[in-house]
């Protein structure tokens, strides 16, 4: 007979509350059956399918009765530790984790592209149907913002460093992607000016006129209406000569589709390479 788990055991394995686990079952996110007495049971195969689909951190793999390697993921326990620290809102643990990766020679862009992005995605997926979800995700975002500011502090731009300006489009509330872009460009020797989330196109025009940047980035994490996509594409294609405009984020394709002349970045590593080329030119 195939092994099954109680909600309590699976919740303990994932490091979440039993009530949260039951809500995910009731929402259909985890397949479960009921015993003759009405108790929920989750087949081990269905538990593993949920872990793989959401990249959920498994804090106690022994409760699943299998080695962590059998989860079938390219995952390291240290990455799970980052996700758990963010869920707990433990800023000190997050800072310690990041500093450890830097000592291992991992670049800031790679940390942003891999572990931070994966952890925040996992938190969003795990908590979107949970009553505490907004609180957990917003607190994790704040912890990340604190640590990005800490990482950026040592990168004082040198005199005459090329300037980059950017932000998220109007009605896009996401803080992290544009903050990561600014950090990555600062680490490459640029002077980034991050206008943050919900930035009107008019404000981007003003920033370009005031700062005379070499690079303008737009971080598009929220869906973009067609008219707004055309407005942003027109802004990017009308930048002064010698200014590079680039768009990244989950919804970058909407802006890129509005004009064949739009540059896109698939990752912070790609953006870092562009910044490095501008500093060296």
Protein backbone atom coordinates (compact mmCIF):
# COMPACT_ATOMS: atom_id res chain seq x y z
CA UNK A 1 0.00 0.00 0.00
CA UNK A 2 1.33 3.44 -0.94
CA UNK A 3 2.50 5.47 2.00
CA UNK A 4 0.45 8.50 3.01
CA UNK A 5 0.99 11.39 5.42
CA UNK A 6 -1.20 13.22 7.85
CA UNK A 7 -1.47 17.00 7.45
CA UNK A 8 0.45 17.36 10.71
CA UNK A 9 3.40 15.28 9.45
CA UNK A 10 3.52 17.04 6.07
CA UNK A 11 3.26 20.46 7.73
CA UNK A 12 6.17 19.59 10.01
CA UNK A 13 8.24 18.42 7.04
CA UNK A 14 7.62 21.74 5.25
CA UNK A 15 8.04 23.88 8.36
CA UNK A 16 4.55 25.40 8.18
CA UNK A 17 1.52 25.27 10.45
CA UNK A 18 -0.96 22.42 10.23
CA UNK A 19 -3.79 24.91 9.68
CA UNK A 20 -1.95 26.35 6.68
CA UNK A 21 -1.40 22.88 5.25
CA UNK A 22 -5.11 22.06 5.62
CA UNK A 23 -6.06 25.31 3.85
CA UNK A 24 -3.81 24.36 0.92
CA UNK A 25 -5.51 20.97 0.75
CA UNK A 26 -8.96 22.53 0.86
CA UNK A 27 -7.95 25.00 -1.87
CA UNK A 28 -6.94 22.08 -4.09
CA UNK A 29 -3.24 22.89 -4.11
CA UNK A 30 -2.35 19.53 -2.55
CA UNK A 31 -4.28 16.40 -3.52
CA UNK A 32 -5.63 14.52 -0.52
CA UNK A 33 -8.11 11.81 0.37
CA UNK A 34 -10.18 11.22 3.51
CA UNK A 35 -10.29 8.16 5.70
CA UNK A 36 -13.51 6.49 6.74
CA UNK A 37 -13.39 8.68 9.84
CA UNK A 38 -13.11 11.86 7.76
CA UNK A 39 -9.40 12.57 8.38
CA UNK A 40 -7.28 14.00 5.56
CA UNK A 41 -4.41 11.93 4.17
CA UNK A 42 -1.84 12.95 1.55
CA UNK A 43 -0.14 10.31 -0.58
CA UNK A 44 3.64 10.63 -0.54
CA UNK A 45 3.64 11.00 -4.34
CA UNK A 46 1.22 13.94 -4.09
CA UNK A 47 3.29 15.54 -1.33
CA UNK A 48 6.40 15.31 -3.49
CA UNK A 49 4.51 16.70 -6.49
CA UNK A 50 3.58 19.77 -4.42
CA UNK A 51 7.18 20.23 -3.25
CA UNK A 52 8.48 20.05 -6.82
CA UNK A 53 5.80 22.35 -8.25
CA UNK A 54 6.30 25.09 -5.65
CA UNK A 55 9.99 24.60 -4.81
CA UNK A 56 8.84 24.45 -1.19
CA UNK A 57 11.63 24.22 1.39
CA UNK A 58 11.69 20.82 3.12
CA UNK A 59 13.04 21.51 6.58
CA UNK A 60 12.62 17.95 7.86
CA UNK A 61 13.01 15.52 4.93
CA UNK A 62 13.26 12.59 7.34
CA UNK A 63 9.52 12.97 8.00
CA UNK A 64 8.91 12.09 4.38
CA UNK A 65 10.91 8.92 4.90
CA UNK A 66 13.21 9.53 1.95
CA UNK A 67 16.61 11.22 1.46
CA UNK A 68 16.46 14.85 0.30
CA UNK A 69 18.21 13.88 -2.94
CA UNK A 70 15.14 11.84 -3.86
CA UNK A 71 13.09 15.03 -4.10
CA UNK A 72 14.39 15.28 -7.65
CA UNK A 73 15.40 18.93 -7.41
CA UNK A 74 18.66 20.79 -7.85
CA UNK A 75 18.41 22.23 -4.37
CA UNK A 76 20.84 22.81 -1.53
CA UNK A 77 19.96 22.85 2.14
CA UNK A 78 21.46 26.33 2.36
CA UNK A 79 18.87 27.59 -0.12
CA UNK A 80 16.15 26.09 2.04
CA UNK A 81 17.68 27.88 5.01
CA UNK A 82 17.35 31.21 3.17
CA UNK A 83 13.68 30.56 2.41
CA UNK A 84 13.01 29.57 6.02
CA UNK A 85 14.79 32.68 7.33
CA UNK A 86 12.71 34.89 5.03
CA UNK A 87 9.49 33.17 6.11
CA UNK A 88 10.49 33.81 9.74
CA UNK A 89 11.44 37.43 9.03
CA UNK A 90 14.90 36.75 10.46
CA UNK A 91 16.99 39.58 8.97
CA UNK A 92 20.15 38.54 10.82
CA UNK A 93 19.97 35.00 9.42
CA UNK A 94 19.35 36.31 5.91
CA UNK A 95 22.35 38.64 6.14
CA UNK A 96 24.53 35.80 7.43
CA UNK A 97 23.38 33.58 4.56
CA UNK A 98 24.16 36.22 1.93
CA UNK A 99 27.57 36.98 3.41
CA UNK A 100 28.36 33.27 3.35
CA UNK A 101 27.56 33.04 -0.35
CA UNK A 102 29.72 36.08 -1.07
CA UNK A 103 32.61 34.42 0.76
CA UNK A 104 32.06 31.39 -1.47
CA UNK A 105 32.66 33.63 -4.48
CA UNK A 106 29.04 33.89 -5.65
CA UNK A 107 28.38 37.24 -7.32
CA UNK A 108 25.62 39.56 -6.19
CA UNK A 109 23.89 39.14 -9.55
CA UNK A 110 23.96 35.35 -9.14
CA UNK A 111 22.53 35.62 -5.61
CA UNK A 112 19.70 37.78 -6.94
CA UNK A 113 19.03 35.56 -9.96
CA UNK A 114 19.10 32.28 -8.07
CA UNK A 115 18.48 31.96 -4.34
CA UNK A 116 16.63 35.23 -3.66
CA UNK A 117 14.38 34.90 -6.70
CA UNK A 118 13.67 31.22 -5.95
CA UNK A 119 12.99 31.90 -2.26
CA UNK A 120 10.58 34.77 -2.92
CA UNK A 121 8.80 32.76 -5.61
CA UNK A 122 8.43 29.83 -3.22
CA UNK A 123 7.07 32.10 -0.49
CA UNK A 124 4.57 33.63 -2.90
CA UNK A 125 3.42 30.21 -4.07
CA UNK A 126 3.23 28.73 -0.59
CA UNK A 127 1.37 31.58 1.00
CA UNK A 128 -0.95 32.96 -1.67
CA UNK A 129 -3.90 30.92 -0.36
CA UNK A 130 -3.04 31.33 3.32
CA UNK A 131 -4.67 33.82 5.67
CA UNK A 132 -1.21 34.98 6.77
CA UNK A 133 0.09 35.14 3.22
CA UNK A 134 0.20 38.91 2.70
CA UNK A 135 1.89 39.43 6.06
CA UNK A 136 4.50 36.71 5.45
CA UNK A 137 5.34 37.83 1.90
CA UNK A 138 5.46 41.54 2.75
CA UNK A 139 7.70 40.92 5.74
CA UNK A 140 10.03 38.76 3.64
CA UNK A 141 10.16 41.53 1.03
CA UNK A 142 11.09 44.07 3.70
CA UNK A 143 13.87 41.82 5.00
CA UNK A 144 15.22 41.47 1.45
CA UNK A 145 15.10 45.24 0.91
CA UNK A 146 17.04 45.77 4.15
CA UNK A 147 19.74 43.36 3.06
CA UNK A 148 19.98 44.82 -0.44
CA UNK A 149 20.49 48.26 1.11
CA UNK A 150 23.19 46.80 3.36
CA UNK A 151 24.92 45.23 0.36
CA UNK A 152 24.72 48.43 -1.67
CA UNK A 153 26.15 50.72 1.02
CA UNK A 154 29.85 49.96 0.33
CA UNK A 155 29.47 50.70 -3.39
CA UNK A 156 29.93 54.47 -3.35
CA UNK A 157 30.06 55.49 -7.02
CA UNK A 158 33.46 56.81 -8.10
CA UNK A 159 33.71 60.30 -9.56
CA UNK A 160 32.26 60.50 -13.06
CA UNK A 161 30.73 57.03 -12.79
CA UNK A 162 28.15 56.47 -15.54
CA UNK A 163 24.63 57.01 -14.23
CA UNK A 164 21.74 54.56 -14.60
CA UNK A 165 18.13 55.40 -13.77
CA UNK A 166 15.15 53.12 -13.61
CA UNK A 167 12.16 51.79 -11.78
CA UNK A 168 8.95 49.82 -12.12
CA UNK A 169 6.12 51.15 -14.30
CA UNK A 170 3.07 52.93 -12.97
CA UNK A 171 0.71 50.55 -11.09
CA UNK A 172 3.51 48.00 -10.67
CA UNK A 173 3.92 47.69 -6.86
CA UNK A 174 6.93 45.37 -6.73
CA UNK A 175 9.88 46.73 -4.75
CA UNK A 176 12.49 44.00 -5.07
CA UNK A 177 13.26 43.70 -8.79
CA UNK A 178 14.20 47.35 -9.28
CA UNK A 179 16.12 47.42 -5.99
CA UNK A 180 18.09 44.38 -7.16
CA UNK A 181 18.79 46.07 -10.51
CA UNK A 182 20.18 49.12 -8.71
CA UNK A 183 22.36 46.96 -6.46
CA UNK A 184 23.74 44.92 -9.34
CA UNK A 185 24.62 48.06 -11.33
CA UNK A 186 26.22 49.67 -8.26
CA UNK A 187 28.37 46.56 -7.80
CA UNK A 188 29.64 47.04 -11.36
CA UNK A 189 30.71 50.64 -10.69
CA UNK A 190 27.71 52.55 -12.01
CA UNK A 191 25.77 55.25 -10.15
CA UNK A 192 22.21 53.90 -10.09
CA UNK A 193 19.18 56.08 -9.31
CA UNK A 194 16.30 53.76 -8.41
CA UNK A 195 12.88 55.45 -8.72
CA UNK A 196 11.23 52.37 -7.23
CA UNK A 197 7.76 50.94 -7.82
CA UNK A 198 4.76 52.64 -9.42
CA UNK A 199 6.82 55.16 -11.43
CA UNK A 200 4.88 57.19 -14.03
CA UNK A 201 6.49 57.45 -17.44
CA UNK A 202 6.59 61.23 -16.97
CA UNK A 203 8.84 60.73 -13.94
CA UNK A 204 11.18 58.57 -16.02
CA UNK A 205 11.39 61.38 -18.59
CA UNK A 206 12.24 63.84 -15.81
CA UNK A 207 14.93 61.53 -14.41
CA UNK A 208 16.56 61.21 -17.82
CA UNK A 209 16.57 64.99 -18.32
CA UNK A 210 17.98 65.61 -14.84
CA UNK A 211 20.60 62.84 -14.53
CA UNK A 212 21.70 62.38 -18.17
CA UNK A 213 22.17 58.62 -17.69
CA UNK A 214 23.97 56.13 -19.89
CA UNK A 215 21.46 53.41 -19.02
CA UNK A 216 17.71 53.37 -18.30
CA UNK A 217 16.07 50.23 -16.94
CA UNK A 218 12.42 49.31 -16.50
CA UNK A 219 11.46 46.40 -14.28
CA UNK A 220 8.09 45.05 -15.44
CA UNK A 221 6.81 42.57 -12.86
CA UNK A 222 3.05 43.20 -13.19
CA UNK A 223 0.82 42.77 -16.25
CA UNK A 224 0.95 45.85 -18.49
CA UNK A 225 -2.05 47.15 -20.46
CA UNK A 226 -1.44 47.52 -24.18
CA UNK A 227 -1.63 51.33 -24.16
CA UNK A 228 0.90 51.53 -21.32
CA UNK A 229 3.22 49.09 -23.07
CA UNK A 230 3.22 51.32 -26.15
CA UNK A 231 3.86 54.39 -24.00
CA UNK A 232 6.86 52.77 -22.32
CA UNK A 233 8.19 51.46 -25.62
CA UNK A 234 7.95 54.97 -27.08
CA UNK A 235 9.83 56.35 -24.08
CA UNK A 236 12.65 53.82 -24.45
CA UNK A 237 13.02 54.26 -28.19
CA UNK A 238 13.10 58.07 -27.84
CA UNK A 239 16.01 58.15 -25.39
CA UNK A 240 18.85 60.49 -26.36
CA UNK A 241 21.65 59.14 -28.51
CA UNK A 242 24.13 57.10 -26.50
CA UNK A 243 21.58 56.15 -23.81
CA UNK A 244 20.70 52.46 -23.64
CA UNK A 245 17.18 51.50 -22.59
CA UNK A 246 16.52 48.00 -21.31
CA UNK A 247 13.49 46.23 -19.83
CA UNK A 248 13.40 43.17 -17.60
CA UNK A 249 10.92 41.34 -15.41
CA UNK A 250 8.18 38.76 -15.96
CA UNK A 251 6.18 41.04 -18.26
CA UNK A 252 9.04 42.53 -20.27
CA UNK A 253 7.70 40.90 -23.44
CA UNK A 254 4.65 43.18 -23.47
CA UNK A 255 6.87 46.25 -23.81
CA UNK A 256 9.30 44.58 -26.19
CA UNK A 257 6.42 43.54 -28.46
CA UNK A 258 5.39 47.18 -28.83
CA UNK A 259 8.63 47.99 -30.65
CA UNK A 260 11.25 45.88 -32.37
CA UNK A 261 14.00 48.15 -31.03
CA UNK A 262 13.60 47.35 -27.32
CA UNK A 263 16.48 45.63 -25.51
CA UNK A 264 15.49 43.06 -22.88
CA UNK A 265 17.37 41.40 -20.03
CA UNK A 266 16.48 37.90 -18.89
CA UNK A 267 18.51 38.09 -15.68
CA UNK A 268 20.42 40.31 -13.29
CA UNK A 269 23.60 38.63 -14.53
CA UNK A 270 22.85 39.94 -18.02
CA UNK A 271 22.16 43.42 -16.63
CA UNK A 272 25.44 43.28 -14.68
CA UNK A 273 27.33 42.47 -17.89
CA UNK A 274 25.77 45.49 -19.60
CA UNK A 275 26.67 47.75 -16.69
CA UNK A 276 30.22 46.42 -16.68
CA UNK A 277 30.57 47.18 -20.39
CA UNK A 278 29.41 50.77 -19.88
CA UNK A 279 31.83 51.33 -16.99
CA UNK A 280 34.68 49.98 -19.08
CA UNK A 281 33.86 52.01 -22.18
